[in-house]
């Protein structure tokens, strides 16, 4: 069970801070069921109530700084998605996003990055689906890494690129 003050990743909302645990006083809801009170990171107002025992959306602790550093070192070895059927591309992207796992976000980013390069070299445009899922994956990954590594969110891509280039030289 998470404690007040903990940071968690909650479904597509992203990083949230646990503000407390409570019960709900509403008809049709058990008075004994516990709910986390979550505040999305960066929001000064607004709360999300989600059951402590709920399993509809992923609710996981954020990584530690050490795990974030290890993940960055692992990026070169993380394989892009293998999608043979174009009709299933968006479904595969959605599955990865729904997992809320940073490695899956990296797989999406790498897949779309290579796909974008290939399409542009053939004189084709980047698809709207690829652009949309690239933004979602980057937002999810970069917001968590930004918090842990104390790098501004808007500088995270540059930071990662520099780190990966440095590791290639070593």
Foldseek 3Di string as FASTA:
>chain_A
DDAQQFWKQKFLLAIWGFNHKAADDDPPGDRPWIWTWTGRPPDPDDTDTDTPPDDPADIGGFDALVVLVVVLVCLVVQAADDDPDPVCVLVLLVVLSRVLDLSSLSNLLVNLVVVCVVQVVVVHHRDPSSVVSNVSSLVNNLVSNCVNVVNDSVCSVVVSVVVVVVVVVD
